[in-house]
């Protein structure tokens, strides 16, 4: 369903919450955010119609990536 936010901070908080829930789900390998930019009739994008970020790109990237978990194949930084 759709929801509304009043400003960029609320958008960031909502996006971070959605992605935290997604990252907590086992068995999900990916997701698709279907509206990267706003359009004339919809304002659900992470970017404005002029392709300007509504929220700093680094914050969106951090939420999208989630907290990184160590895996067995990680390279030892001391080597």
C-alpha atoms as a PDB file:
ATOM      1  CA  UNK A   1       0.000   0.000   0.000  1.00  0.00           C
ATOM      2  CA  UNK A   2       0.882   3.629  -0.257  1.00  0.00           C
ATOM      3  CA  UNK A   3       1.851   5.938   2.542  1.00  0.00           C
ATOM      4  CA  UNK A   4       2.822   9.595   2.650  1.00  0.00           C
ATOM      5  CA  UNK A   5       5.691  11.446   4.228  1.00  0.00           C
ATOM      6  CA  UNK A   6       5.904  15.147   4.942  1.00  0.00           C
ATOM      7  CA  UNK A   7       9.600  15.748   4.331  1.00  0.00           C
ATOM      8  CA  UNK A   8      12.947  14.229   3.362  1.00  0.00           C
ATOM      9  CA  UNK A   9      13.779  13.096   6.902  1.00  0.00           C
ATOM     10  CA  UNK A  10      10.490  11.209   7.164  1.00  0.00           C
ATOM     11  CA  UNK A  11      11.203   9.612   3.767  1.00  0.00           C
ATOM     12  CA  UNK A  12      14.632   8.462   4.956  1.00  0.00           C
ATOM     13  CA  UNK A  13      13.186   7.045   8.181  1.00  0.00           C
ATOM     14  CA  UNK A  14      10.437   5.182   6.308  1.00  0.00           C
ATOM     15  CA  UNK A  15      12.888   3.794   3.725  1.00  0.00           C
ATOM     16  CA  UNK A  16      15.324   2.699   6.440  1.00  0.00           C
ATOM     17  CA  UNK A  17      12.498   0.938   8.287  1.00  0.00           C
ATOM     18  CA  UNK A  18      11.356  -0.922   5.189  1.00  0.00           C
ATOM     19  CA  UNK A  19      14.903  -2.035   4.426  1.00  0.00           C
ATOM     20  CA  UNK A  20      15.586  -3.115   8.030  1.00  0.00           C
ATOM     21  CA  UNK A  21      12.518  -5.357   7.821  1.00  0.00           C
ATOM     22  CA  UNK A  22      13.623  -6.686   4.441  1.00  0.00           C
ATOM     23  CA  UNK A  23      17.144  -7.450   5.670  1.00  0.00           C
ATOM     24  CA  UNK A  24      15.702  -9.314   8.662  1.00  0.00           C
ATOM     25  CA  UNK A  25      13.834 -11.756   6.390  1.00  0.00           C
ATOM     26  CA  UNK A  26      15.621 -15.016   5.691  1.00  0.00           C
ATOM     27  CA  UNK A  27      15.491 -16.359   2.171  1.00  0.00           C
ATOM     28  CA  UNK A  28      15.095 -13.043   0.370  1.00  0.00           C
ATOM     29  CA  UNK A  29      17.850 -12.491  -2.154  1.00  0.00           C
ATOM     30  CA  UNK A  30      16.867  -9.048  -3.423  1.00  0.00           C
ATOM     31  CA  UNK A  31      14.158  -6.466  -3.879  1.00  0.00           C
ATOM     32  CA  UNK A  32      12.985  -3.898  -6.399  1.00  0.00           C
ATOM     33  CA  UNK A  33      12.096  -0.312  -5.508  1.00  0.00           C
ATOM     34  CA  UNK A  34       9.832   0.395  -8.461  1.00  0.00           C
ATOM     35  CA  UNK A  35       9.902   4.167  -8.560  1.00  0.00           C
ATOM     36  CA  UNK A  36      13.391   5.632  -8.536  1.00  0.00           C
ATOM     37  CA  UNK A  37      12.168   9.108  -9.516  1.00  0.00           C
ATOM     38  CA  UNK A  38       9.010  11.139  -9.094  1.00  0.00           C
ATOM     39  CA  UNK A  39       6.737  11.504 -12.115  1.00  0.00           C
ATOM     40  CA  UNK A  40       4.069  14.037 -12.980  1.00  0.00           C
ATOM     41  CA  UNK A  41       1.385  12.028 -11.213  1.00  0.00           C
ATOM     42  CA  UNK A  42       3.310  10.108  -8.541  1.00  0.00           C
ATOM     43  CA  UNK A  43       5.691  11.383  -5.888  1.00  0.00           C
ATOM     44  CA  UNK A  44       7.050   8.102  -4.513  1.00  0.00           C
ATOM     45  CA  UNK A  45      10.583   8.383  -5.862  1.00  0.00           C
ATOM     46  CA  UNK A  46      13.874   8.542  -4.051  1.00  0.00           C
ATOM     47  CA  UNK A  47      14.763  11.309  -6.545  1.00  0.00           C
ATOM     48  CA  UNK A  48      12.760  14.309  -7.720  1.00  0.00           C
ATOM     49  CA  UNK A  49      11.597  14.606 -11.339  1.00  0.00           C
ATOM     50  CA  UNK A  50      14.779  16.626 -11.932  1.00  0.00           C
ATOM     51  CA  UNK A  51      16.774  13.592 -10.688  1.00  0.00           C
ATOM     52  CA  UNK A  52      17.896  15.336  -7.496  1.00  0.00           C
ATOM     53  CA  UNK A  53      18.163  13.068  -4.447  1.00  0.00           C
ATOM     54  CA  UNK A  54      15.518  13.749  -1.807  1.00  0.00           C
ATOM     55  CA  UNK A  55      17.786  12.145   0.786  1.00  0.00           C
ATOM     56  CA  UNK A  56      21.600  11.973   0.666  1.00  0.00           C
ATOM     57  CA  UNK A  57      22.611   9.081  -1.594  1.00  0.00           C
ATOM     58  CA  UNK A  58      25.015   7.740   1.036  1.00  0.00           C
ATOM     59  CA  UNK A  59      22.149   7.359   3.523  1.00  0.00           C
ATOM     60  CA  UNK A  60      20.002   5.522   0.978  1.00  0.00           C
ATOM     61  CA  UNK A  61      22.951   3.285   0.037  1.00  0.00           C
ATOM     62  CA  UNK A  62      23.631   2.428   3.676  1.00  0.00           C
ATOM     63  CA  UNK A  63      19.993   1.490   4.269  1.00  0.00           C
ATOM     64  CA  UNK A  64      19.864  -0.506   1.036  1.00  0.00           C
ATOM     65  CA  UNK A  65      23.005  -2.489   1.829  1.00  0.00           C
ATOM     66  CA  UNK A  66      22.028  -3.129   5.427  1.00  0.00           C
ATOM     67  CA  UNK A  67      24.409  -4.162   8.155  1.00  0.00           C
ATOM     68  CA  UNK A  68      27.140  -6.306   6.688  1.00  0.00           C
ATOM     69  CA  UNK A  69      27.569  -9.738   8.171  1.00  0.00           C
ATOM     70  CA  UNK A  70      30.913 -11.505   8.210  1.00  0.00           C
ATOM     71  CA  UNK A  71      31.111 -14.607   6.054  1.00  0.00           C
ATOM     72  CA  UNK A  72      33.570 -17.484   6.000  1.00  0.00           C
ATOM     73  CA  UNK A  73      35.127 -16.286   2.743  1.00  0.00           C
ATOM     74  CA  UNK A  74      36.055 -12.832   4.036  1.00  0.00           C
ATOM     75  CA  UNK A  75      39.697 -11.981   3.522  1.00  0.00           C
ATOM     76  CA  UNK A  76      41.712 -11.307   6.656  1.00  0.00           C
ATOM     77  CA  UNK A  77      42.742  -7.604   6.515  1.00  0.00           C
ATOM     78  CA  UNK A  78      45.944  -8.440   8.423  1.00  0.00           C
ATOM     79  CA  UNK A  79      47.267 -10.669   5.633  1.00  0.00           C
END
